[in-house]
Amino acid sequence: MSASVDREQLEARLRLAEEHIAAENAFDIERTMATYGRNPAIVFNGVTINGHEKIRALYEELGFGGRGAFSNVSQEVNHRYVTDEAVILELTVTGEHTGTWQGIAATGRKIEFPVCAIFVFDEEGKAASERVYFDGSLLLKQLGVLP
């Protein structure tokens, strides 16, 4: 358990998490990466990705740099939860599958699915980790891979 966090720190953490999502929606990888601390990690549906270079590669692969497996990717924040431990965002992600992803050739299909993103912060107030959870089978159904 971390020490209690004051209101100003909680508000700064929420602003950072919202800036992170705004940067992703703007396809600005530099701005997105600036929200992470020195040794960041993403847990992407159970797969841990460590370090700036590998996280940047994930964003590029997905399409948050303006090109990648998905185009017109957008995230809408539906709910926000702020605790001493983390900022939790419930989001809806939309986009279009226009490139190869996980061995699946572009289908041109539209996607829309719920995501939960949990941000944990370092001592400098940057994101130390982001844990992203979503229903992979729902995404695969939308891509036409699963019935």
Protein backbone atom coordinates (compact mmCIF):
# COMPACT_ATOMS: atom_id res chain seq x y z
CA MET A 1 0.00 0.00 0.00
CA SER A 2 1.21 3.49 -0.79
CA ALA A 3 1.10 6.41 1.60
CA SER A 4 -1.96 8.61 1.48
CA VAL A 5 -2.01 10.99 -1.48
CA ASP A 6 -3.35 14.55 -1.16
CA ARG A 7 -6.09 16.01 -3.34
CA GLU A 8 -3.64 18.01 -5.46
CA GLN A 9 -1.67 14.86 -6.31
CA LEU A 10 -4.87 12.97 -7.14
CA GLU A 11 -5.99 15.75 -9.47
CA ALA A 12 -2.55 15.84 -11.15
CA ARG A 13 -2.70 12.07 -11.70
CA LEU A 14 -6.16 12.32 -13.27
CA ARG A 15 -4.96 15.16 -15.54
CA LEU A 16 -1.98 13.03 -16.62
CA ALA A 17 -4.19 10.02 -17.41
CA GLU A 18 -6.56 12.24 -19.40
CA GLU A 19 -3.60 13.85 -21.22
CA HIS A 20 -2.40 10.33 -22.08
CA ILE A 21 -5.76 9.48 -23.68
CA ALA A 22 -5.94 12.86 -25.46
CA ALA A 23 -2.45 12.29 -26.90
CA GLU A 24 -3.43 8.81 -28.11
CA ASN A 25 -6.57 10.25 -29.73
CA ALA A 26 -4.39 12.87 -31.45
CA PHE A 27 -2.09 10.08 -32.78
CA ASP A 28 0.79 11.86 -31.02
CA ILE A 29 3.14 9.15 -29.81
CA GLU A 30 5.71 11.67 -28.50
CA ARG A 31 3.08 13.31 -26.32
CA THR A 32 1.77 9.92 -25.21
CA MET A 33 5.25 8.69 -24.30
CA ALA A 34 5.87 11.89 -22.30
CA THR A 35 3.21 10.76 -19.81
CA TYR A 36 5.33 7.74 -18.83
CA GLY A 37 8.06 7.75 -16.22
CA ARG A 38 11.60 6.45 -16.54
CA ASN A 39 10.90 2.69 -16.50
CA PRO A 40 7.35 2.24 -17.73
CA ALA A 41 5.42 -0.95 -18.30
CA ILE A 42 2.15 -1.78 -20.01
CA VAL A 43 0.23 -4.92 -19.20
CA PHE A 44 -1.82 -5.41 -22.36
CA ASN A 45 -4.45 -8.06 -21.68
CA GLY A 46 -1.98 -9.99 -19.53
CA VAL A 47 1.13 -9.46 -21.69
CA THR A 48 3.75 -7.26 -20.03
CA ILE A 49 5.66 -4.83 -22.22
CA ASN A 50 8.56 -3.01 -20.54
CA GLY A 51 10.41 0.13 -21.54
CA HIS A 52 9.88 3.13 -23.76
CA GLU A 53 11.03 1.50 -27.02
CA LYS A 54 8.77 -1.55 -26.74
CA ILE A 55 5.80 0.53 -25.63
CA ARG A 56 6.33 2.91 -28.55
CA ALA A 57 6.42 -0.10 -30.91
CA LEU A 58 3.09 -1.32 -29.49
CA TYR A 59 1.48 2.08 -30.10
CA GLU A 60 2.82 2.16 -33.66
CA GLU A 61 1.63 -1.41 -34.32
CA LEU A 62 -1.87 -0.63 -33.06
CA GLY A 63 -2.23 2.61 -35.00
CA PHE A 64 -1.86 5.30 -32.34
CA GLY A 65 0.85 6.91 -34.46
CA GLY A 66 -1.56 7.45 -37.34
CA ARG A 67 -0.66 4.20 -39.11
CA GLY A 68 -0.69 0.59 -38.03
CA ALA A 69 -3.20 -2.23 -37.78
CA PHE A 70 -6.10 0.06 -36.88
CA SER A 71 -6.94 3.46 -38.31
CA ASN A 72 -9.16 6.21 -36.97
CA VAL A 73 -8.60 4.82 -33.47
CA SER A 74 -10.45 6.84 -30.88
CA GLN A 75 -11.09 6.39 -27.20
CA GLU A 76 -13.95 7.90 -25.25
CA VAL A 77 -13.69 8.00 -21.46
CA ASN A 78 -16.98 6.83 -19.98
CA HIS A 79 -16.06 6.73 -16.28
CA ARG A 80 -13.13 7.85 -14.12
CA TYR A 81 -12.12 6.49 -10.72
CA VAL A 82 -9.32 8.04 -8.70
CA THR A 83 -7.79 6.32 -5.69
CA ASP A 84 -4.59 6.71 -3.69
CA GLU A 85 -3.27 3.71 -5.65
CA ALA A 86 -4.35 4.39 -9.24
CA VAL A 87 -6.49 6.20 -11.80
CA ILE A 88 -8.93 3.82 -13.46
CA LEU A 89 -10.61 4.74 -16.74
CA GLU A 90 -13.47 2.89 -18.41
CA LEU A 91 -13.31 3.65 -22.13
CA THR A 92 -14.92 2.78 -25.42
CA VAL A 93 -12.43 2.24 -28.24
CA THR A 94 -13.48 2.59 -31.88
CA GLY A 95 -11.60 2.32 -35.14
CA GLU A 96 -11.21 0.37 -38.35
CA HIS A 97 -9.02 -2.68 -39.00
CA THR A 98 -6.90 -1.55 -41.97
CA GLY A 99 -3.61 -3.38 -41.43
CA THR A 100 -2.29 -6.73 -40.26
CA TRP A 101 -2.66 -7.32 -36.51
CA GLN A 102 -1.63 -10.45 -34.64
CA GLY A 103 -1.37 -12.28 -37.98
CA ILE A 104 -4.87 -11.21 -39.04
CA ALA A 105 -4.87 -9.45 -42.42
CA ALA A 106 -6.80 -6.19 -42.69
CA THR A 107 -10.54 -6.78 -42.80
CA GLY A 108 -11.72 -3.19 -43.23
CA ARG A 109 -14.20 -3.84 -40.44
CA LYS A 110 -15.19 -1.27 -37.86
CA ILE A 111 -14.43 -2.06 -34.23
CA GLU A 112 -15.99 -0.84 -31.00
CA PHE A 113 -15.31 -2.39 -27.62
CA PRO A 114 -15.03 -1.48 -23.93
CA VAL A 115 -11.61 -1.15 -22.28
CA CYS A 116 -10.45 -0.68 -18.72
CA ALA A 117 -7.14 1.19 -18.29
CA ILE A 118 -5.48 1.37 -14.88
CA PHE A 119 -2.68 3.90 -14.42
CA VAL A 120 -0.23 3.56 -11.52
CA PHE A 121 2.19 6.41 -10.87
CA ASP A 122 5.83 6.79 -9.90
CA GLU A 123 7.29 9.14 -7.29
CA GLU A 124 7.61 11.88 -9.94
CA GLY A 125 3.90 11.75 -10.80
CA LYS A 126 4.38 10.07 -14.20
CA ALA A 127 2.75 6.82 -15.27
CA ALA A 128 4.84 3.91 -14.00
CA SER A 129 2.46 1.41 -15.52
CA GLU A 130 -0.71 1.12 -17.51
CA ARG A 131 -2.75 -2.05 -17.28
CA VAL A 132 -5.18 -2.41 -20.19
CA TYR A 133 -7.95 -5.00 -20.17
CA PHE A 134 -10.51 -5.77 -22.86
CA ASP A 135 -12.53 -8.70 -24.18
CA GLY A 136 -10.27 -10.09 -26.92
CA SER A 137 -12.97 -12.46 -28.13
CA LEU A 138 -15.33 -9.52 -28.75
CA LEU A 139 -12.65 -7.83 -30.86
CA LEU A 140 -12.00 -11.06 -32.79
CA LYS A 141 -15.77 -11.44 -33.43
CA GLN A 142 -15.89 -7.90 -34.80
CA LEU A 143 -12.96 -8.72 -37.08
CA GLY A 144 -14.84 -11.78 -38.35
CA VAL A 145 -12.28 -14.24 -36.98
CA LEU A 146 -14.69 -15.76 -34.43
CA PRO A 147 -18.37 -16.49 -35.02
